[in-house]
Amino acid sequence: MHTLFILLKKEFIQFRRNKFIPKMVVMFPVMAMLVIPLVTTMDVKNVNVAVVDLDKSETSRRIISDMEASANLTLSLYAGMYEDALRAVEKGDADVILQIPAEYEKELVCGNPPAISLAANGVNATKSQLGAQYLLQAVMKTLKTLDVEQGIALPEEKVFVQNRYNPTLDYPVYMIPALMIILIIMICGFLPALNLVSEKEAGTIEQINVSPVSRLTFTLSKLIPYWIIGLLVLTLAMVIAWVAYGLVPVGSIWIIYVVTLLFSFVMSGLGVSIANCSSTMQQSMYVMFFFIIIFQLMSGLMTPCRSGRNTSHTLSRRVISSKS
């Protein structure tokens, strides 16, 4: 333990004397949390909607009008038949199909309306899912307005999609927790790997090999400072998320720290493995970036994890019905 304490003291002294790494540890989380959620967005705009209005009533025209008023939806086709709207989807001219059944207004007044069908193009999973959500919210908003204005008793069993934890589909809410994970990957996985490889390039690791310091003690002395820095960076990121975006953790904060510490163990283990197989810092950087890209693609942040299962033109259907 005394040897480990001396090595840790040496690591913190080297960290403090470094001209770049301390500034990067502070500035990188601050810039990532403040800038990236504002400039990097996957919010879907201009979702093209093909409408099949088989009712042609005042209610259906009200639904279409409210849909056109949405900032995210665009009426691209007013089709007379569902097959025409489907061909528009196949050509790429429409992303979502809204079909209002015949005699919808009449049945709505009677309290037993038929289903309104929403069909989204499954090729672009992100755009289709968010587009269907926007369209569904617009339709449900219109039906609720009609309920208030005309006193139509809508069935209690009507389908309503609620986006839990992010009801407004605000993209920074998705980005900020993911950025915290990326920061932990960079701090606890990237920097320890570079630190170990720098020992190889400087030749000081040969002196460690002939000293009475064990491998475990030497490895822990390289990793423990970055585990501590990773927890401090997580704290800084949560403070920035609270001050700048009003986002605070719900539940036990201690669980977040424990899980983060376990994740730091995994990433630092990966960094040590890469450092052992690397001869130069450039080589370790390339390998780490390779794994970071894989982690980001598999995390579901950039693209849905299941979007690659089917590349054909498929439609995901959703109905707004009075019966489940």
C-alpha atoms as a PDB file:
ATOM      1  CA  MET A   1       0.000   0.000   0.000  1.00  0.00           C
ATOM      2  CA  HIS A   2       2.882   2.349   0.715  1.00  0.00           C
ATOM      3  CA  THR A   3       4.314   1.689  -2.771  1.00  0.00           C
ATOM      4  CA  LEU A   4       0.897   2.287  -4.336  1.00  0.00           C
ATOM      5  CA  PHE A   5       0.542   5.547  -2.424  1.00  0.00           C
ATOM      6  CA  ILE A   6       3.946   6.753  -3.667  1.00  0.00           C
ATOM      7  CA  LEU A   7       3.099   5.859  -7.262  1.00  0.00           C
ATOM      8  CA  LEU A   8      -0.272   7.590  -7.019  1.00  0.00           C
ATOM      9  CA  LYS A   9       1.421  10.691  -5.677  1.00  0.00           C
ATOM     10  CA  LYS A  10       3.803  10.588  -8.623  1.00  0.00           C
ATOM     11  CA  GLU A  11       0.904  10.253 -11.101  1.00  0.00           C
ATOM     12  CA  PHE A  12      -0.978  13.211  -9.649  1.00  0.00           C
ATOM     13  CA  ILE A  13       2.197  15.333  -9.697  1.00  0.00           C
ATOM     14  CA  GLN A  14       2.757  14.455 -13.371  1.00  0.00           C
ATOM     15  CA  PHE A  15      -0.884  15.168 -14.112  1.00  0.00           C
ATOM     16  CA  ARG A  16      -0.660  18.580 -12.450  1.00  0.00           C
ATOM     17  CA  ARG A  17       2.555  19.498 -14.239  1.00  0.00           C
ATOM     18  CA  ASN A  18       1.199  18.541 -17.644  1.00  0.00           C
ATOM     19  CA  LYS A  19       0.289  21.666 -19.642  1.00  0.00           C
ATOM     20  CA  PHE A  20      -2.482  20.117 -21.714  1.00  0.00           C
ATOM     21  CA  ILE A  21      -4.281  17.269 -19.924  1.00  0.00           C
ATOM     22  CA  PRO A  22      -5.624  19.242 -16.892  1.00  0.00           C
ATOM     23  CA  LYS A  23      -7.065  21.891 -19.215  1.00  0.00           C
ATOM     24  CA  MET A  24      -8.555  19.226 -21.460  1.00  0.00           C
ATOM     25  CA  VAL A  25     -10.161  17.391 -18.523  1.00  0.00           C
ATOM     26  CA  VAL A  26     -11.985  20.589 -17.533  1.00  0.00           C
ATOM     27  CA  MET A  27     -12.681  22.238 -20.891  1.00  0.00           C
ATOM     28  CA  PHE A  28     -13.703  19.127 -22.795  1.00  0.00           C
ATOM     29  CA  PRO A  29     -16.681  18.250 -20.523  1.00  0.00           C
ATOM     30  CA  VAL A  30     -17.773  21.889 -20.358  1.00  0.00           C
ATOM     31  CA  MET A  31     -17.685  22.377 -24.143  1.00  0.00           C
ATOM     32  CA  ALA A  32     -19.251  18.976 -24.804  1.00  0.00           C
ATOM     33  CA  MET A  33     -22.182  19.589 -22.448  1.00  0.00           C
ATOM     34  CA  LEU A  34     -22.807  23.177 -23.522  1.00  0.00           C
ATOM     35  CA  VAL A  35     -22.167  23.078 -27.278  1.00  0.00           C
ATOM     36  CA  ILE A  36     -22.857  19.595 -28.626  1.00  0.00           C
ATOM     37  CA  PRO A  37     -26.517  19.335 -27.470  1.00  0.00           C
ATOM     38  CA  LEU A  38     -27.232  22.650 -29.216  1.00  0.00           C
ATOM     39  CA  VAL A  39     -25.434  22.074 -32.532  1.00  0.00           C
ATOM     40  CA  THR A  40     -25.875  18.299 -32.886  1.00  0.00           C
ATOM     41  CA  THR A  41     -29.500  17.404 -33.307  1.00  0.00           C
ATOM     42  CA  MET A  42     -31.473  14.625 -34.903  1.00  0.00           C
ATOM     43  CA  ASP A  43     -34.828  16.341 -34.621  1.00  0.00           C
ATOM     44  CA  VAL A  44     -36.926  15.424 -37.614  1.00  0.00           C
ATOM     45  CA  LYS A  45     -38.282  18.327 -39.646  1.00  0.00           C
ATOM     46  CA  ASN A  46     -40.460  18.437 -42.773  1.00  0.00           C
ATOM     47  CA  VAL A  47     -41.978  14.970 -42.438  1.00  0.00           C
ATOM     48  CA  ASN A  48     -43.933  14.383 -45.657  1.00  0.00           C
ATOM     49  CA  VAL A  49     -47.438  13.098 -44.977  1.00  0.00           C
ATOM     50  CA  ALA A  50     -49.756  11.493 -47.531  1.00  0.00           C
ATOM     51  CA  VAL A  51     -53.401  11.847 -46.486  1.00  0.00           C
ATOM     52  CA  VAL A  52     -56.156   9.477 -47.570  1.00  0.00           C
ATOM     53  CA  ASP A  53     -59.421  11.176 -46.567  1.00  0.00           C
ATOM     54  CA  LEU A  54     -62.296   8.774 -47.125  1.00  0.00           C
ATOM     55  CA  ASP A  55     -64.637  10.761 -44.870  1.00  0.00           C
ATOM     56  CA  LYS A  56     -64.404  14.230 -46.480  1.00  0.00           C
ATOM     57  CA  SER A  57     -66.183  15.810 -43.530  1.00  0.00           C
ATOM     58  CA  GLU A  58     -65.641  18.893 -41.413  1.00  0.00           C
ATOM     59  CA  THR A  59     -63.839  16.784 -38.803  1.00  0.00           C
ATOM     60  CA  SER A  60     -61.448  15.256 -41.320  1.00  0.00           C
ATOM     61  CA  ARG A  61     -60.689  18.678 -42.799  1.00  0.00           C
ATOM     62  CA  ARG A  62     -60.045  19.952 -39.273  1.00  0.00           C
ATOM     63  CA  ILE A  63     -57.590  17.120 -38.636  1.00  0.00           C
ATOM     64  CA  ILE A  64     -55.744  17.829 -41.885  1.00  0.00           C
ATOM     65  CA  SER A  65     -55.668  21.574 -41.226  1.00  0.00           C
ATOM     66  CA  ASP A  66     -54.219  21.132 -37.750  1.00  0.00           C
ATOM     67  CA  MET A  67     -51.675  18.704 -39.142  1.00  0.00           C
ATOM     68  CA  GLU A  68     -50.535  21.256 -41.749  1.00  0.00           C
ATOM     69  CA  ALA A  69     -50.143  23.838 -38.981  1.00  0.00           C
ATOM     70  CA  SER A  70     -47.495  21.694 -37.313  1.00  0.00           C
ATOM     71  CA  ALA A  71     -43.923  22.907 -37.817  1.00  0.00           C
ATOM     72  CA  ASN A  72     -42.675  19.353 -38.337  1.00  0.00           C
ATOM     73  CA  LEU A  73     -45.289  18.006 -40.751  1.00  0.00           C
ATOM     74  CA  THR A  74     -45.825  18.776 -44.430  1.00  0.00           C
ATOM     75  CA  LEU A  75     -48.794  17.650 -46.521  1.00  0.00           C
ATOM     76  CA  SER A  76     -47.102  16.165 -49.592  1.00  0.00           C
ATOM     77  CA  LEU A  77     -50.054  14.315 -51.151  1.00  0.00           C
ATOM     78  CA  TYR A  78     -53.822  14.336 -50.846  1.00  0.00           C
ATOM     79  CA  ALA A  79     -54.633  10.901 -52.208  1.00  0.00           C
ATOM     80  CA  GLY A  80     -57.996   9.509 -53.103  1.00  0.00           C
ATOM     81  CA  MET A  81     -56.989   5.890 -52.474  1.00  0.00           C
ATOM     82  CA  TYR A  82     -54.605   4.172 -50.110  1.00  0.00           C
ATOM     83  CA  GLU A  83     -52.727   2.585 -53.031  1.00  0.00           C
ATOM     84  CA  ASP A  84     -51.819   6.051 -54.340  1.00  0.00           C
ATOM     85  CA  ALA A  85     -50.377   7.026 -50.968  1.00  0.00           C
ATOM     86  CA  LEU A  86     -48.454   3.742 -50.799  1.00  0.00           C
ATOM     87  CA  ARG A  87     -46.870   4.410 -54.185  1.00  0.00           C
ATOM     88  CA  ALA A  88     -45.801   7.845 -52.936  1.00  0.00           C
ATOM     89  CA  VAL A  89     -44.070   6.151 -49.996  1.00  0.00           C
ATOM     90  CA  GLU A  90     -42.323   3.709 -52.326  1.00  0.00           C
ATOM     91  CA  LYS A  91     -41.073   6.593 -54.466  1.00  0.00           C
ATOM     92  CA  GLY A  92     -39.816   8.462 -51.403  1.00  0.00           C
ATOM     93  CA  ASP A  93     -42.309  11.321 -51.768  1.00  0.00           C
ATOM     94  CA  ALA A  94     -44.028  10.545 -48.452  1.00  0.00           C
ATOM     95  CA  ASP A  95     -42.830   9.313 -45.080  1.00  0.00           C
ATOM     96  CA  VAL A  96     -46.100   8.730 -43.231  1.00  0.00           C
ATOM     97  CA  ILE A  97     -49.610   7.842 -44.410  1.00  0.00           C
ATOM     98  CA  LEU A  98     -52.681   9.143 -42.572  1.00  0.00           C
ATOM     99  CA  GLN A  99     -55.922   7.392 -43.507  1.00  0.00           C
ATOM    100  CA  ILE A 100     -59.243   8.723 -42.202  1.00  0.00           C
ATOM    101  CA  PRO A 101     -61.972   6.095 -42.696  1.00  0.00           C
ATOM    102  CA  ALA A 102     -65.349   6.761 -44.258  1.00  0.00           C
ATOM    103  CA  GLU A 103     -68.170   8.082 -42.061  1.00  0.00           C
ATOM    104  CA  TYR A 104     -65.670   8.873 -39.326  1.00  0.00           C
ATOM    105  CA  GLU A 105     -67.449  12.069 -38.213  1.00  0.00           C
ATOM    106  CA  LYS A 106     -70.814  10.333 -38.080  1.00  0.00           C
ATOM    107  CA  GLU A 107     -69.508   7.471 -35.988  1.00  0.00           C
ATOM    108  CA  LEU A 108     -67.544   9.900 -33.818  1.00  0.00           C
ATOM    109  CA  VAL A 109     -70.757  11.707 -32.863  1.00  0.00           C
ATOM    110  CA  CYS A 110     -72.348   8.357 -32.037  1.00  0.00           C
ATOM    111  CA  GLY A 111     -69.429   7.570 -29.716  1.00  0.00           C
ATOM    112  CA  ASN A 112     -68.034   4.614 -31.666  1.00  0.00           C
ATOM    113  CA  PRO A 113     -65.542   5.986 -34.208  1.00  0.00           C
ATOM    114  CA  PRO A 114     -63.584   3.619 -36.453  1.00  0.00           C
ATOM    115  CA  ALA A 115     -59.815   3.502 -36.402  1.00  0.00           C
ATOM    116  CA  ILE A 116     -57.633   6.219 -37.900  1.00  0.00           C
ATOM    117  CA  SER A 117     -54.647   4.485 -39.450  1.00  0.00           C
ATOM    118  CA  LEU A 118     -51.064   5.769 -39.369  1.00  0.00           C
ATOM    119  CA  ALA A 119     -48.471   3.986 -41.512  1.00  0.00           C
ATOM    120  CA  ALA A 120     -44.794   5.012 -41.439  1.00  0.00           C
ATOM    121  CA  ASN A 121     -42.010   4.087 -43.836  1.00  0.00           C
ATOM    122  CA  GLY A 122     -39.672   1.782 -41.921  1.00  0.00           C
ATOM    123  CA  VAL A 123     -36.617   2.306 -44.147  1.00  0.00           C
ATOM    124  CA  ASN A 124     -35.603   5.489 -42.349  1.00  0.00           C
ATOM    125  CA  ALA A 125     -36.444   4.297 -38.865  1.00  0.00           C
ATOM    126  CA  THR A 126     -35.606   7.528 -37.056  1.00  0.00           C
ATOM    127  CA  LYS A 127     -37.644   9.763 -39.343  1.00  0.00           C
ATOM    128  CA  SER A 128     -40.570   7.361 -39.525  1.00  0.00           C
ATOM    129  CA  GLN A 129     -40.808   6.844 -35.774  1.00  0.00           C
ATOM    130  CA  LEU A 130     -40.570  10.523 -34.861  1.00  0.00           C
ATOM    131  CA  GLY A 131     -42.779  11.501 -37.802  1.00  0.00           C
ATOM    132  CA  ALA A 132     -45.461   9.076 -36.688  1.00  0.00           C
ATOM    133  CA  GLN A 133     -45.205  10.479 -33.169  1.00  0.00           C
ATOM    134  CA  TYR A 134     -45.631  14.059 -34.416  1.00  0.00           C
ATOM    135  CA  LEU A 135     -48.603  13.075 -36.568  1.00  0.00           C
ATOM    136  CA  LEU A 136     -50.225  11.100 -33.778  1.00  0.00           C
ATOM    137  CA  GLN A 137     -49.873  14.030 -31.385  1.00  0.00           C
ATOM    138  CA  ALA A 138     -51.430  16.392 -33.955  1.00  0.00           C
ATOM    139  CA  VAL A 139     -54.420  14.093 -34.501  1.00  0.00           C
ATOM    140  CA  MET A 140     -54.996  13.523 -30.803  1.00  0.00           C
ATOM    141  CA  LYS A 141     -54.761  17.261 -30.155  1.00  0.00           C
ATOM    142  CA  THR A 142     -57.497  17.873 -32.732  1.00  0.00           C
ATOM    143  CA  LEU A 143     -59.743  15.209 -31.239  1.00  0.00           C
ATOM    144  CA  LYS A 144     -59.300  16.649 -27.767  1.00  0.00           C
ATOM    145  CA  THR A 145     -60.151  20.126 -29.091  1.00  0.00           C
ATOM    146  CA  LEU A 146     -63.329  18.783 -30.703  1.00  0.00           C
ATOM    147  CA  ASP A 147     -64.178  17.095 -27.444  1.00  0.00           C
ATOM    148  CA  VAL A 148     -63.967  20.436 -25.619  1.00  0.00           C
ATOM    149  CA  GLU A 149     -65.679  22.573 -28.283  1.00  0.00           C
ATOM    150  CA  GLN A 150     -68.524  20.292 -29.340  1.00  0.00           C
ATOM    151  CA  GLY A 151     -68.942  18.162 -26.246  1.00  0.00           C
ATOM    152  CA  ILE A 152     -68.335  14.927 -28.111  1.00  0.00           C
ATOM    153  CA  ALA A 153     -67.729  12.196 -25.570  1.00  0.00           C
ATOM    154  CA  LEU A 154     -64.669  10.466 -26.929  1.00  0.00           C
ATOM    155  CA  PRO A 155     -64.180   6.872 -25.777  1.00  0.00           C
ATOM    156  CA  GLU A 156     -61.874   6.468 -22.828  1.00  0.00           C
ATOM    157  CA  GLU A 157     -60.156   3.539 -24.561  1.00  0.00           C
ATOM    158  CA  LYS A 158     -58.731   5.675 -27.350  1.00  0.00           C
ATOM    159  CA  VAL A 159     -55.056   5.090 -28.010  1.00  0.00           C
ATOM    160  CA  PHE A 160     -52.649   7.788 -26.916  1.00  0.00           C
ATOM    161  CA  VAL A 161     -48.870   7.517 -27.121  1.00  0.00           C
ATOM    162  CA  GLN A 162     -46.971   9.142 -24.273  1.00  0.00           C
ATOM    163  CA  ASN A 163     -43.222   9.627 -24.640  1.00  0.00           C
ATOM    164  CA  ARG A 164     -41.993   8.749 -21.182  1.00  0.00           C
ATOM    165  CA  TYR A 165     -39.013  10.679 -19.782  1.00  0.00           C
ATOM    166  CA  ASN A 166     -39.006  12.981 -22.834  1.00  0.00           C
ATOM    167  CA  PRO A 167     -42.616  13.950 -23.620  1.00  0.00           C
ATOM    168  CA  THR A 168     -41.662  16.870 -25.872  1.00  0.00           C
ATOM    169  CA  LEU A 169     -39.167  14.806 -27.923  1.00  0.00           C
ATOM    170  CA  ASP A 170     -36.503  17.395 -27.130  1.00  0.00           C
ATOM    171  CA  TYR A 171     -33.288  16.006 -28.603  1.00  0.00           C
ATOM    172  CA  PRO A 172     -30.847  17.466 -26.004  1.00  0.00           C
ATOM    173  CA  VAL A 173     -32.607  15.277 -23.455  1.00  0.00           C
ATOM    174  CA  TYR A 174     -31.367  12.274 -25.449  1.00  0.00           C
ATOM    175  CA  MET A 175     -27.914  13.724 -26.018  1.00  0.00           C
ATOM    176  CA  ILE A 176     -26.903  14.794 -22.508  1.00  0.00           C
ATOM    177  CA  PRO A 177     -26.880  11.342 -20.811  1.00  0.00           C
ATOM    178  CA  ALA A 178     -25.099   9.905 -23.851  1.00  0.00           C
ATOM    179  CA  LEU A 179     -22.470  12.646 -23.705  1.00  0.00           C
ATOM    180  CA  MET A 180     -21.795  11.752 -20.069  1.00  0.00           C
ATOM    181  CA  ILE A 181     -21.049   8.177 -21.135  1.00  0.00           C
ATOM    182  CA  ILE A 182     -18.765   9.396 -23.922  1.00  0.00           C
ATOM    183  CA  LEU A 183     -16.885  11.554 -21.407  1.00  0.00           C
ATOM    184  CA  ILE A 184     -16.342   8.538 -19.152  1.00  0.00           C
ATOM    185  CA  ILE A 185     -15.079   6.532 -22.137  1.00  0.00           C
ATOM    186  CA  MET A 186     -12.615   9.266 -23.034  1.00  0.00           C
ATOM    187  CA  ILE A 187     -11.398   9.946 -19.498  1.00  0.00           C
ATOM    188  CA  CYS A 188     -11.299   6.412 -18.086  1.00  0.00           C
ATOM    189  CA  GLY A 189     -10.456   4.484 -21.247  1.00  0.00           C
ATOM    190  CA  PHE A 190      -8.631   6.789 -23.629  1.00  0.00           C
ATOM    191  CA  LEU A 191      -6.314   8.671 -21.279  1.00  0.00           C
ATOM    192  CA  PRO A 192      -5.026   5.648 -19.293  1.00  0.00           C
ATOM    193  CA  ALA A 193      -4.147   3.904 -22.552  1.00  0.00           C
ATOM    194  CA  LEU A 194      -2.189   6.936 -23.755  1.00  0.00           C
ATOM    195  CA  ASN A 195      -0.507   7.249 -20.363  1.00  0.00           C
ATOM    196  CA  LEU A 196       0.736   3.661 -20.444  1.00  0.00           C
ATOM    197  CA  VAL A 197       1.943   3.909 -24.032  1.00  0.00           C
ATOM    198  CA  SER A 198       3.773   7.140 -23.228  1.00  0.00           C
ATOM    199  CA  GLU A 199       5.720   5.182 -20.591  1.00  0.00           C
ATOM    200  CA  LYS A 200       6.775   2.793 -23.355  1.00  0.00           C
ATOM    201  CA  GLU A 201       7.856   5.588 -25.684  1.00  0.00           C
ATOM    202  CA  ALA A 202       9.785   7.393 -22.943  1.00  0.00           C
ATOM    203  CA  GLY A 203      11.489   4.178 -21.819  1.00  0.00           C
ATOM    204  CA  THR A 204      10.541   4.663 -18.166  1.00  0.00           C
ATOM    205  CA  ILE A 205       8.502   1.467 -18.144  1.00  0.00           C
ATOM    206  CA  GLU A 206      11.754  -0.470 -18.399  1.00  0.00           C
ATOM    207  CA  GLN A 207      12.819   1.053 -15.112  1.00  0.00           C
ATOM    208  CA  ILE A 208       9.527  -0.044 -13.560  1.00  0.00           C
ATOM    209  CA  ASN A 209      10.089  -3.594 -14.828  1.00  0.00           C
ATOM    210  CA  VAL A 210      13.394  -3.914 -12.964  1.00  0.00           C
ATOM    211  CA  SER A 211      12.019  -2.294  -9.780  1.00  0.00           C
ATOM    212  CA  PRO A 212      10.265  -4.232  -6.967  1.00  0.00           C
ATOM    213  CA  VAL A 213       6.908  -2.739  -8.016  1.00  0.00           C
ATOM    214  CA  SER A 214       4.400  -5.452  -8.906  1.00  0.00           C
ATOM    215  CA  ARG A 215       2.330  -5.342 -12.094  1.00  0.00           C
ATOM    216  CA  LEU A 216      -0.915  -4.941 -10.164  1.00  0.00           C
ATOM    217  CA  THR A 217       0.425  -2.017  -8.151  1.00  0.00           C
ATOM    218  CA  PHE A 218       1.785  -0.307 -11.252  1.00  0.00           C
ATOM    219  CA  THR A 219      -1.483  -0.804 -13.175  1.00  0.00           C
ATOM    220  CA  LEU A 220      -3.600   0.475 -10.288  1.00  0.00           C
ATOM    221  CA  SER A 221      -1.382   3.535  -9.973  1.00  0.00           C
ATOM    222  CA  LYS A 222      -2.120   4.307 -13.622  1.00  0.00           C
ATOM    223  CA  LEU A 223      -5.879   3.721 -13.390  1.00  0.00           C
ATOM    224  CA  ILE A 224      -7.006   5.014  -9.987  1.00  0.00           C
ATOM    225  CA  PRO A 225      -6.298   8.708 -10.783  1.00  0.00           C
ATOM    226  CA  TYR A 226      -8.493   8.506 -13.891  1.00  0.00           C
ATOM    227  CA  TRP A 227     -11.258   6.729 -11.973  1.00  0.00           C
ATOM    228  CA  ILE A 228     -11.288   9.636  -9.551  1.00  0.00           C
ATOM    229  CA  ILE A 229     -11.144  12.180 -12.389  1.00  0.00           C
ATOM    230  CA  GLY A 230     -13.975  10.349 -14.159  1.00  0.00           C
ATOM    231  CA  LEU A 231     -16.245  10.696 -11.116  1.00  0.00           C
ATOM    232  CA  LEU A 232     -15.350  14.380 -10.848  1.00  0.00           C
ATOM    233  CA  VAL A 233     -16.113  14.865 -14.556  1.00  0.00           C
ATOM    234  CA  LEU A 234     -19.467  13.103 -14.079  1.00  0.00           C
ATOM    235  CA  THR A 235     -20.276  15.473 -11.224  1.00  0.00           C
ATOM    236  CA  LEU A 236     -19.318  18.470 -13.357  1.00  0.00           C
ATOM    237  CA  ALA A 237     -21.466  17.187 -16.239  1.00  0.00           C
ATOM    238  CA  MET A 238     -24.510  16.705 -13.999  1.00  0.00           C
ATOM    239  CA  VAL A 239     -24.086  20.203 -12.592  1.00  0.00           C
ATOM    240  CA  ILE A 240     -23.916  21.672 -16.119  1.00  0.00           C
ATOM    241  CA  ALA A 241     -26.990  19.642 -17.162  1.00  0.00           C
ATOM    242  CA  TRP A 242     -28.872  21.014 -14.145  1.00  0.00           C
ATOM    243  CA  VAL A 243     -27.802  24.650 -14.591  1.00  0.00           C
ATOM    244  CA  ALA A 244     -27.961  24.893 -18.396  1.00  0.00           C
ATOM    245  CA  TYR A 245     -30.825  22.512 -19.269  1.00  0.00           C
ATOM    246  CA  GLY A 246     -32.723  21.922 -16.051  1.00  0.00           C
ATOM    247  CA  LEU A 247     -32.111  18.169 -16.144  1.00  0.00           C
ATOM    248  CA  VAL A 248     -31.573  16.403 -12.837  1.00  0.00           C
ATOM    249  CA  PRO A 249     -31.294  12.682 -12.067  1.00  0.00           C
ATOM    250  CA  VAL A 250     -34.453  10.998 -10.837  1.00  0.00           C
ATOM    251  CA  GLY A 251     -33.737   8.391  -8.193  1.00  0.00           C
ATOM    252  CA  SER A 252     -30.614   7.605  -6.253  1.00  0.00           C
ATOM    253  CA  ILE A 253     -27.517   9.545  -7.318  1.00  0.00           C
ATOM    254  CA  TRP A 254     -25.354   6.989  -5.529  1.00  0.00           C
ATOM    255  CA  ILE A 255     -26.517   4.304  -7.966  1.00  0.00           C
ATOM    256  CA  ILE A 256     -25.341   6.506 -10.834  1.00  0.00           C
ATOM    257  CA  TYR A 257     -21.912   6.832  -9.234  1.00  0.00           C
ATOM    258  CA  VAL A 258     -21.647   3.097  -8.526  1.00  0.00           C
ATOM    259  CA  VAL A 259     -22.632   2.140 -12.073  1.00  0.00           C
ATOM    260  CA  THR A 260     -20.266   4.781 -13.455  1.00  0.00           C
ATOM    261  CA  LEU A 261     -17.442   3.350 -11.380  1.00  0.00           C
ATOM    262  CA  LEU A 262     -18.150  -0.148 -12.710  1.00  0.00           C
ATOM    263  CA  PHE A 263     -18.259   1.198 -16.252  1.00  0.00           C
ATOM    264  CA  SER A 264     -14.938   2.948 -15.605  1.00  0.00           C
ATOM    265  CA  PHE A 265     -13.418  -0.404 -14.606  1.00  0.00           C
ATOM    266  CA  VAL A 266     -14.529  -1.932 -17.906  1.00  0.00           C
ATOM    267  CA  MET A 267     -13.297   0.951 -20.054  1.00  0.00           C
ATOM    268  CA  SER A 268      -9.984   1.216 -18.230  1.00  0.00           C
ATOM    269  CA  GLY A 269      -9.503  -2.525 -18.680  1.00  0.00           C
ATOM    270  CA  LEU A 270     -10.067  -2.083 -22.401  1.00  0.00           C
ATOM    271  CA  GLY A 271      -7.600   0.805 -22.447  1.00  0.00           C
ATOM    272  CA  VAL A 272      -4.942  -1.269 -20.658  1.00  0.00           C
ATOM    273  CA  SER A 273      -5.437  -4.143 -23.106  1.00  0.00           C
ATOM    274  CA  ILE A 274      -5.022  -1.808 -26.070  1.00  0.00           C
ATOM    275  CA  ALA A 275      -1.963  -0.178 -24.497  1.00  0.00           C
ATOM    276  CA  ASN A 276      -0.317  -3.576 -24.005  1.00  0.00           C
ATOM    277  CA  CYS A 277      -0.718  -4.316 -27.723  1.00  0.00           C
ATOM    278  CA  SER A 278       0.352  -0.843 -28.929  1.00  0.00           C
ATOM    279  CA  SER A 279       3.860   0.407 -29.510  1.00  0.00           C
ATOM    280  CA  THR A 280       3.102   4.088 -30.121  1.00  0.00           C
ATOM    281  CA  MET A 281       0.523   6.585 -28.983  1.00  0.00           C
ATOM    282  CA  GLN A 282      -0.785   6.990 -32.532  1.00  0.00           C
ATOM    283  CA  GLN A 283      -1.470   3.275 -32.772  1.00  0.00           C
ATOM    284  CA  SER A 284      -3.361   3.205 -29.479  1.00  0.00           C
ATOM    285  CA  MET A 285      -5.377   6.284 -30.508  1.00  0.00           C
ATOM    286  CA  TYR A 286      -6.497   4.678 -33.768  1.00  0.00           C
ATOM    287  CA  VAL A 287      -7.541   1.467 -32.017  1.00  0.00           C
ATOM    288  CA  MET A 288      -9.424   3.360 -29.297  1.00  0.00           C
ATOM    289  CA  PHE A 289     -11.252   5.482 -31.868  1.00  0.00           C
ATOM    290  CA  PHE A 290     -12.238   2.289 -33.672  1.00  0.00           C
ATOM    291  CA  PHE A 291     -13.882   0.918 -30.536  1.00  0.00           C
ATOM    292  CA  ILE A 292     -15.454   4.273 -29.638  1.00  0.00           C
ATOM    293  CA  ILE A 293     -17.183   4.407 -33.037  1.00  0.00           C
ATOM    294  CA  ILE A 294     -18.512   0.883 -32.495  1.00  0.00           C
ATOM    295  CA  PHE A 295     -19.785   1.808 -29.036  1.00  0.00           C
ATOM    296  CA  GLN A 296     -21.590   4.862 -30.395  1.00  0.00           C
ATOM    297  CA  LEU A 297     -23.204   2.960 -33.261  1.00  0.00           C
ATOM    298  CA  MET A 298     -24.333   0.123 -30.994  1.00  0.00           C
ATOM    299  CA  SER A 299     -25.609   2.420 -28.251  1.00  0.00           C
ATOM    300  CA  GLY A 300     -28.686   3.568 -30.189  1.00  0.00           C
ATOM    301  CA  LEU A 301     -27.723   7.252 -29.966  1.00  0.00           C
ATOM    302  CA  MET A 302     -27.013   7.819 -33.659  1.00  0.00           C
ATOM    303  CA  THR A 303     -29.288   5.175 -35.166  1.00  0.00           C
ATOM    304  CA  PRO A 304     -31.843   2.776 -33.648  1.00  0.00           C
ATOM    305  CA  CYS A 305     -30.268  -0.556 -32.761  1.00  0.00           C
ATOM    306  CA  ARG A 306     -32.889  -2.531 -34.705  1.00  0.00           C
ATOM    307  CA  SER A 307     -32.914  -0.407 -37.857  1.00  0.00           C
ATOM    308  CA  GLY A 308     -30.454  -2.650 -39.693  1.00  0.00           C
ATOM    309  CA  ARG A 309     -32.528  -5.798 -39.509  1.00  0.00           C
ATOM    310  CA  ASN A 310     -34.600  -5.096 -42.598  1.00  0.00           C
ATOM    311  CA  THR A 311     -33.570  -2.921 -45.523  1.00  0.00           C
ATOM    312  CA  SER A 312     -36.726  -3.346 -47.592  1.00  0.00           C
ATOM    313  CA  HIS A 313     -39.579  -0.840 -47.726  1.00  0.00           C
ATOM    314  CA  THR A 314     -41.726  -1.751 -44.755  1.00  0.00           C
ATOM    315  CA  LEU A 315     -44.560   0.078 -43.060  1.00  0.00           C
ATOM    316  CA  SER A 316     -45.088   0.222 -39.336  1.00  0.00           C
ATOM    317  CA  ARG A 317     -48.773   0.701 -38.654  1.00  0.00           C
ATOM    318  CA  ARG A 318     -50.518   2.347 -35.741  1.00  0.00           C
ATOM    319  CA  VAL A 319     -54.191   2.979 -35.222  1.00  0.00           C
ATOM    320  CA  ILE A 320     -56.145   5.463 -33.198  1.00  0.00           C
ATOM    321  CA  SER A 321     -59.147   3.434 -32.263  1.00  0.00           C
ATOM    322  CA  SER A 322     -61.921   3.275 -29.741  1.00  0.00           C
ATOM    323  CA  LYS A 323     -61.064  -0.318 -28.946  1.00  0.00           C
ATOM    324  CA  SER A 324     -57.742  -1.740 -27.879  1.00  0.00           C
END
